[in-house]
Amino acid sequence: MYKIILFFSGVLIGFLTCTIIASCLEYVYYTSKPSAMDVYQGKTTLEITYIDSVAIDSVVVFKNKEKLQNDY
């Protein structure tokens, strides 16, 4: 009986550990992408890559985050 309880407690600890790690990764993933509100509030800039006067790629990037934190 003791081995069964020990097994299920190990499974529970493993599940909780995986859940916490997944939550942290999800938080980092979603906070590192600019949202529509960030663009609207002027926290981002649009960088366009040109080759021979033709727009090849565009990327939305955050402005300097330290400066933005001091503004609010």
PDB file of N, CA and C in Angstrom:
ATOM      1  N   MET A   1       0.822  -1.198   0.000  1.00  0.00           N
ATOM      2  CA  MET A   1       0.000   0.000   0.000  1.00  0.00           C
ATOM      3  C   MET A   1       0.866   1.262   0.000  1.00  0.00           C
ATOM      4  N   TYR A   2       1.963   1.196   0.769  1.00  0.00           N
ATOM      5  CA  TYR A   2       2.851   2.347   0.879  1.00  0.00           C
ATOM      6  C   TYR A   2       3.468   2.685  -0.478  1.00  0.00           C
ATOM      7  N   LYS A   3       3.807   1.657  -1.269  1.00  0.00           N
ATOM      8  CA  LYS A   3       4.410   1.884  -2.583  1.00  0.00           C
ATOM      9  C   LYS A   3       3.432   2.548  -3.541  1.00  0.00           C
ATOM     10  N   ILE A   4       2.156   2.213  -3.438  1.00  0.00           N
ATOM     11  CA  ILE A   4       1.141   2.828  -4.309  1.00  0.00           C
ATOM     12  C   ILE A   4       0.997   4.313  -3.983  1.00  0.00           C
ATOM     13  N   ILE A   5       0.946   4.635  -2.697  1.00  0.00           N
ATOM     14  CA  ILE A   5       0.842   6.042  -2.285  1.00  0.00           C
ATOM     15  C   ILE A   5       2.079   6.813  -2.729  1.00  0.00           C
ATOM     16  N   LEU A   6       3.236   6.219  -2.567  1.00  0.00           N
ATOM     17  CA  LEU A   6       4.482   6.856  -2.983  1.00  0.00           C
ATOM     18  C   LEU A   6       4.509   7.074  -4.492  1.00  0.00           C
ATOM     19  N   PHE A   7       4.013   6.094  -5.256  1.00  0.00           N
ATOM     20  CA  PHE A   7       3.965   6.218  -6.710  1.00  0.00           C
ATOM     21  C   PHE A   7       3.052   7.367  -7.131  1.00  0.00           C
ATOM     22  N   PHE A   8       1.846   7.419  -6.581  1.00  0.00           N
ATOM     23  CA  PHE A   8       0.899   8.470  -6.966  1.00  0.00           C
ATOM     24  C   PHE A   8       1.348   9.853  -6.501  1.00  0.00           C
ATOM     25  N   SER A   9       2.045   9.941  -5.377  1.00  0.00           N
ATOM     26  CA  SER A   9       2.562  11.235  -4.952  1.00  0.00           C
ATOM     27  C   SER A   9       3.673  11.691  -5.902  1.00  0.00           C
ATOM     28  N   GLY A  10       4.465  10.764  -6.401  1.00  0.00           N
ATOM     29  CA  GLY A  10       5.492  11.100  -7.392  1.00  0.00           C
ATOM     30  C   GLY A  10       4.883  11.560  -8.697  1.00  0.00           C
ATOM     31  N   VAL A  11       3.804  10.901  -9.116  1.00  0.00           N
ATOM     32  CA  VAL A  11       3.104  11.300 -10.334  1.00  0.00           C
ATOM     33  C   VAL A  11       2.512  12.698 -10.157  1.00  0.00           C
ATOM     34  N   LEU A  12       1.919  12.965  -8.995  1.00  0.00           N
ATOM     35  CA  LEU A  12       1.332  14.279  -8.726  1.00  0.00           C
ATOM     36  C   LEU A  12       2.394  15.375  -8.722  1.00  0.00           C
ATOM     37  N   ILE A  13       3.524  15.118  -8.099  1.00  0.00           N
ATOM     38  CA  ILE A  13       4.609  16.102  -8.082  1.00  0.00           C
ATOM     39  C   ILE A  13       5.133  16.348  -9.494  1.00  0.00           C
ATOM     40  N   GLY A  14       5.269  15.301 -10.291  1.00  0.00           N
ATOM     41  CA  GLY A  14       5.710  15.463 -11.675  1.00  0.00           C
ATOM     42  C   GLY A  14       4.716  16.264 -12.497  1.00  0.00           C
ATOM     43  N   PHE A  15       3.425  16.000 -12.309  1.00  0.00           N
ATOM     44  CA  PHE A  15       2.392  16.743 -13.029  1.00  0.00           C
ATOM     45  C   PHE A  15       2.411  18.221 -12.643  1.00  0.00           C
ATOM     46  N   LEU A  16       2.513  18.500 -11.357  1.00  0.00           N
ATOM     47  CA  LEU A  16       2.543  19.893 -10.906  1.00  0.00           C
ATOM     48  C   LEU A  16       3.788  20.615 -11.419  1.00  0.00           C
ATOM     49  N   THR A  17       4.919  19.932 -11.438  1.00  0.00           N
ATOM     50  CA  THR A  17       6.151  20.536 -11.955  1.00  0.00           C
ATOM     51  C   THR A  17       6.008  20.871 -13.436  1.00  0.00           C
ATOM     52  N   CYS A  18       5.469  19.951 -14.212  1.00  0.00           N
ATOM     53  CA  CYS A  18       5.259  20.201 -15.646  1.00  0.00           C
ATOM     54  C   CYS A  18       4.283  21.347 -15.874  1.00  0.00           C
ATOM     55  N   THR A  19       3.240  21.423 -15.065  1.00  0.00           N
ATOM     56  CA  THR A  19       2.257  22.498 -15.193  1.00  0.00           C
ATOM     57  C   THR A  19       2.886  23.854 -14.903  1.00  0.00           C
ATOM     58  N   ILE A  20       3.696  23.933 -13.876  1.00  0.00           N
ATOM     59  CA  ILE A  20       4.354  25.204 -13.531  1.00  0.00           C
ATOM     60  C   ILE A  20       5.318  25.618 -14.628  1.00  0.00           C
ATOM     61  N   ILE A  21       6.104  24.692 -15.136  1.00  0.00           N
ATOM     62  CA  ILE A  21       7.050  25.013 -16.210  1.00  0.00           C
ATOM     63  C   ILE A  21       6.315  25.453 -17.466  1.00  0.00           C
ATOM     64  N   ALA A  22       5.232  24.764 -17.822  1.00  0.00           N
ATOM     65  CA  ALA A  22       4.453  25.142 -19.006  1.00  0.00           C
ATOM     66  C   ALA A  22       3.841  26.523 -18.840  1.00  0.00           C
ATOM     67  N   SER A  23       3.371  26.848 -17.649  1.00  0.00           N
ATOM     68  CA  SER A  23       2.796  28.170 -17.396  1.00  0.00           C
ATOM     69  C   SER A  23       3.851  29.268 -17.543  1.00  0.00           C
ATOM     70  N   CYS A  24       5.035  29.013 -17.046  1.00  0.00           N
ATOM     71  CA  CYS A  24       6.120  30.002 -17.171  1.00  0.00           C
ATOM     72  C   CYS A  24       6.513  30.202 -18.631  1.00  0.00           C
ATOM     73  N   LEU A  25       6.625  29.129 -19.381  1.00  0.00           N
ATOM     74  CA  LEU A  25       6.972  29.238 -20.797  1.00  0.00           C
ATOM     75  C   LEU A  25       5.883  29.975 -21.579  1.00  0.00           C
ATOM     76  N   GLU A  26       4.631  29.710 -21.258  1.00  0.00           N
ATOM     77  CA  GLU A  26       3.523  30.396 -21.927  1.00  0.00           C
ATOM     78  C   GLU A  26       3.546  31.888 -21.614  1.00  0.00           C
ATOM     79  N   TYR A  27       3.846  32.244 -20.362  1.00  0.00           N
ATOM     80  CA  TYR A  27       3.929  33.655 -19.976  1.00  0.00           C
ATOM     81  C   TYR A  27       5.027  34.366 -20.756  1.00  0.00           C
ATOM     82  N   VAL A  28       6.188  33.759 -20.844  1.00  0.00           N
ATOM     83  CA  VAL A  28       7.304  34.358 -21.579  1.00  0.00           C
ATOM     84  C   VAL A  28       6.968  34.486 -23.056  1.00  0.00           C
ATOM     85  N   TYR A  29       6.321  33.487 -23.627  1.00  0.00           N
ATOM     86  CA  TYR A  29       5.979  33.500 -25.044  1.00  0.00           C
ATOM     87  C   TYR A  29       5.008  34.631 -25.373  1.00  0.00           C
ATOM     88  N   TYR A  30       3.978  34.795 -24.573  1.00  0.00           N
ATOM     89  CA  TYR A  30       2.968  35.796 -24.892  1.00  0.00           C
ATOM     90  C   TYR A  30       3.371  37.213 -24.508  1.00  0.00           C
ATOM     91  N   THR A  31       4.270  37.394 -23.541  1.00  0.00           N
ATOM     92  CA  THR A  31       4.675  38.748 -23.175  1.00  0.00           C
ATOM     93  C   THR A  31       5.806  39.262 -24.053  1.00  0.00           C
ATOM     94  N   SER A  32       6.444  38.397 -24.823  1.00  0.00           N
ATOM     95  CA  SER A  32       7.536  38.857 -25.673  1.00  0.00           C
ATOM     96  C   SER A  32       7.050  39.291 -27.048  1.00  0.00           C
ATOM     97  N   LYS A  33       5.783  39.068 -27.367  1.00  0.00           N
ATOM     98  CA  LYS A  33       5.233  39.482 -28.650  1.00  0.00           C
ATOM     99  C   LYS A  33       4.458  40.785 -28.483  1.00  0.00           C
ATOM    100  N   PRO A  34       4.633  41.725 -29.404  1.00  0.00           N
ATOM    101  CA  PRO A  34       3.864  42.967 -29.298  1.00  0.00           C
ATOM    102  C   PRO A  34       2.385  42.718 -29.596  1.00  0.00           C
ATOM    103  N   SER A  35       1.527  43.335 -28.814  1.00  0.00           N
ATOM    104  CA  SER A  35       0.089  43.215 -29.032  1.00  0.00           C
ATOM    105  C   SER A  35      -0.413  44.429 -29.807  1.00  0.00           C
ATOM    106  N   ALA A  36      -1.669  44.398 -30.169  1.00  0.00           N
ATOM    107  CA  ALA A  36      -2.262  45.526 -30.885  1.00  0.00           C
ATOM    108  C   ALA A  36      -2.240  46.789 -30.019  1.00  0.00           C
ATOM    109  N   MET A  37      -2.415  46.637 -28.712  1.00  0.00           N
ATOM    110  CA  MET A  37      -2.373  47.802 -27.817  1.00  0.00           C
ATOM    111  C   MET A  37      -0.978  48.406 -27.754  1.00  0.00           C
ATOM    112  N   ASP A  38       0.057  47.566 -27.819  1.00  0.00           N
ATOM    113  CA  ASP A  38       1.427  48.088 -27.828  1.00  0.00           C
ATOM    114  C   ASP A  38       1.668  48.942 -29.061  1.00  0.00           C
ATOM    115  N   VAL A  39       1.154  48.506 -30.196  1.00  0.00           N
ATOM    116  CA  VAL A  39       1.304  49.275 -31.435  1.00  0.00           C
ATOM    117  C   VAL A  39       0.519  50.576 -31.324  1.00  0.00           C
ATOM    118  N   TYR A  40      -0.710  50.503 -30.820  1.00  0.00           N
ATOM    119  CA  TYR A  40      -1.567  51.676 -30.701  1.00  0.00           C
ATOM    120  C   TYR A  40      -0.967  52.707 -29.751  1.00  0.00           C
ATOM    121  N   GLN A  41      -0.363  52.264 -28.661  1.00  0.00           N
ATOM    122  CA  GLN A  41       0.200  53.172 -27.665  1.00  0.00           C
ATOM    123  C   GLN A  41       1.583  53.683 -28.051  1.00  0.00           C
ATOM    124  N   GLY A  42       2.099  53.268 -29.192  1.00  0.00           N
ATOM    125  CA  GLY A  42       3.390  53.762 -29.659  1.00  0.00           C
ATOM    126  C   GLY A  42       4.585  53.113 -28.998  1.00  0.00           C
ATOM    127  N   LYS A  43       4.433  51.913 -28.480  1.00  0.00           N
ATOM    128  CA  LYS A  43       5.533  51.217 -27.817  1.00  0.00           C
ATOM    129  C   LYS A  43       6.388  50.430 -28.796  1.00  0.00           C
ATOM    130  N   THR A  44       6.004  50.401 -30.070  1.00  0.00           N
ATOM    131  CA  THR A  44       6.716  49.599 -31.057  1.00  0.00           C
ATOM    132  C   THR A  44       7.088  50.437 -32.268  1.00  0.00           C
ATOM    133  N   THR A  45       8.007  49.909 -33.052  1.00  0.00           N
ATOM    134  CA  THR A  45       8.358  50.514 -34.340  1.00  0.00           C
ATOM    135  C   THR A  45       8.297  49.428 -35.414  1.00  0.00           C
ATOM    136  N   LEU A  46       8.135  49.856 -36.648  1.00  0.00           N
ATOM    137  CA  LEU A  46       8.102  48.930 -37.774  1.00  0.00           C
ATOM    138  C   LEU A  46       9.424  49.035 -38.515  1.00  0.00           C
ATOM    139  N   GLU A  47      10.132  47.932 -38.609  1.00  0.00           N
ATOM    140  CA  GLU A  47      11.394  47.898 -39.341  1.00  0.00           C
ATOM    141  C   GLU A  47      11.178  47.143 -40.647  1.00  0.00           C
ATOM    142  N   ILE A  48      11.480  47.800 -41.756  1.00  0.00           N
ATOM    143  CA  ILE A  48      11.264  47.221 -43.082  1.00  0.00           C
ATOM    144  C   ILE A  48      12.623  46.978 -43.734  1.00  0.00           C
ATOM    145  N   THR A  49      12.812  45.784 -44.293  1.00  0.00           N
ATOM    146  CA  THR A  49      14.039  45.428 -44.995  1.00  0.00           C
ATOM    147  C   THR A  49      13.805  45.603 -46.497  1.00  0.00           C
ATOM    148  N   TYR A  50      14.664  46.384 -47.118  1.00  0.00           N
ATOM    149  CA  TYR A  50      14.566  46.637 -48.563  1.00  0.00           C
ATOM    150  C   TYR A  50      15.755  46.014 -49.283  1.00  0.00           C
ATOM    151  N   ILE A  51      15.496  45.452 -50.453  1.00  0.00           N
ATOM    152  CA  ILE A  51      16.546  45.020 -51.372  1.00  0.00           C
ATOM    153  C   ILE A  51      16.199  45.589 -52.737  1.00  0.00           C
ATOM    154  N   ASP A  52      17.083  46.433 -53.247  1.00  0.00           N
ATOM    155  CA  ASP A  52      16.869  47.105 -54.535  1.00  0.00           C
ATOM    156  C   ASP A  52      15.532  47.844 -54.563  1.00  0.00           C
ATOM    157  N   SER A  53      15.267  48.619 -53.524  1.00  0.00           N
ATOM    158  CA  SER A  53      14.057  49.442 -53.402  1.00  0.00           C
ATOM    159  C   SER A  53      12.764  48.630 -53.364  1.00  0.00           C
ATOM    160  N   VAL A  54      12.865  47.366 -53.032  1.00  0.00           N
ATOM    161  CA  VAL A  54      11.682  46.516 -52.906  1.00  0.00           C
ATOM    162  C   VAL A  54      11.603  46.034 -51.456  1.00  0.00           C
ATOM    163  N   ALA A  55      10.453  46.230 -50.830  1.00  0.00           N
ATOM    164  CA  ALA A  55      10.268  45.773 -49.456  1.00  0.00           C
ATOM    165  C   ALA A  55      10.226  44.248 -49.431  1.00  0.00           C
ATOM    166  N   ILE A  56      11.158  43.658 -48.695  1.00  0.00           N
ATOM    167  CA  ILE A  56      11.271  42.206 -48.628  1.00  0.00           C
ATOM    168  C   ILE A  56      10.641  41.661 -47.347  1.00  0.00           C
ATOM    169  N   ASP A  57      10.857  42.364 -46.240  1.00  0.00           N
ATOM    170  CA  ASP A  57      10.400  41.862 -44.949  1.00  0.00           C
ATOM    171  C   ASP A  57      10.068  43.032 -44.041  1.00  0.00           C
ATOM    172  N   SER A  58       9.134  42.826 -43.127  1.00  0.00           N
ATOM    173  CA  SER A  58       8.827  43.840 -42.121  1.00  0.00           C
ATOM    174  C   SER A  58       8.654  43.149 -40.772  1.00  0.00           C
ATOM    175  N   VAL A  59       9.145  43.825 -39.726  1.00  0.00           N
ATOM    176  CA  VAL A  59       9.109  43.272 -38.382  1.00  0.00           C
ATOM    177  C   VAL A  59       8.681  44.368 -37.421  1.00  0.00           C
ATOM    178  N   VAL A  60       7.767  44.037 -36.512  1.00  0.00           N
ATOM    179  CA  VAL A  60       7.376  44.955 -35.451  1.00  0.00           C
ATOM    180  C   VAL A  60       8.239  44.648 -34.243  1.00  0.00           C
ATOM    181  N   VAL A  61       8.966  45.662 -33.742  1.00  0.00           N
ATOM    182  CA  VAL A  61       9.854  45.463 -32.595  1.00  0.00           C
ATOM    183  C   VAL A  61       9.527  46.491 -31.525  1.00  0.00           C
ATOM    184  N   PHE A  62       9.796  46.120 -30.278  1.00  0.00           N
ATOM    185  CA  PHE A  62       9.596  47.041 -29.170  1.00  0.00           C
ATOM    186  C   PHE A  62      10.638  48.149 -29.217  1.00  0.00           C
ATOM    187  N   LYS A  63      10.225  49.340 -28.781  1.00  0.00           N
ATOM    188  CA  LYS A  63      11.189  50.413 -28.569  1.00  0.00           C
ATOM    189  C   LYS A  63      11.965  50.066 -27.305  1.00  0.00           C
ATOM    190  N   ASN A  64      12.868  50.930 -26.899  1.00  0.00           N
ATOM    191  CA  ASN A  64      13.690  50.693 -25.726  1.00  0.00           C
ATOM    192  C   ASN A  64      12.792  50.473 -24.504  1.00  0.00           C
ATOM    193  N   LYS A  65      12.808  49.265 -23.936  1.00  0.00           N
ATOM    194  CA  LYS A  65      11.898  48.924 -22.837  1.00  0.00           C
ATOM    195  C   LYS A  65      12.197  49.711 -21.567  1.00  0.00           C
ATOM    196  N   GLU A  66      13.466  50.029 -21.286  1.00  0.00           N
ATOM    197  CA  GLU A  66      13.788  50.787 -20.072  1.00  0.00           C
ATOM    198  C   GLU A  66      13.173  52.167 -20.123  1.00  0.00           C
ATOM    199  N   LYS A  67      13.209  52.794 -21.281  1.00  0.00           N
ATOM    200  CA  LYS A  67      12.635  54.125 -21.438  1.00  0.00           C
ATOM    201  C   LYS A  67      11.123  54.063 -21.285  1.00  0.00           C
ATOM    202  N   LEU A  68      10.495  53.028 -21.827  1.00  0.00           N
ATOM    203  CA  LEU A  68       9.047  52.890 -21.737  1.00  0.00           C
ATOM    204  C   LEU A  68       8.599  52.687 -20.296  1.00  0.00           C
ATOM    205  N   GLN A  69       9.349  51.951 -19.491  1.00  0.00           N
ATOM    206  CA  GLN A  69       8.984  51.719 -18.107  1.00  0.00           C
ATOM    207  C   GLN A  69       9.079  53.011 -17.293  1.00  0.00           C
ATOM    208  N   ASN A  70       9.995  53.894 -17.642  1.00  0.00           N
ATOM    209  CA  ASN A  70      10.124  55.153 -16.928  1.00  0.00           C
ATOM    210  C   ASN A  70       9.035  56.131 -17.318  1.00  0.00           C
ATOM    211  N   ASP A  71       8.433  55.959 -18.481  1.00  0.00           N
ATOM    212  CA  ASP A  71       7.385  56.865 -18.934  1.00  0.00           C
ATOM    213  C   ASP A  71       6.083  56.656 -18.168  1.00  0.00           C
ATOM    214  N   TYR A  72       5.865  55.466 -17.613  1.00  0.00           N
ATOM    215  CA  TYR A  72       4.582  55.175 -16.958  1.00  0.00           C
ATOM    216  C   TYR A  72       4.682  55.139 -15.474  1.00  0.00           C
TER     217      TYR A  72
END
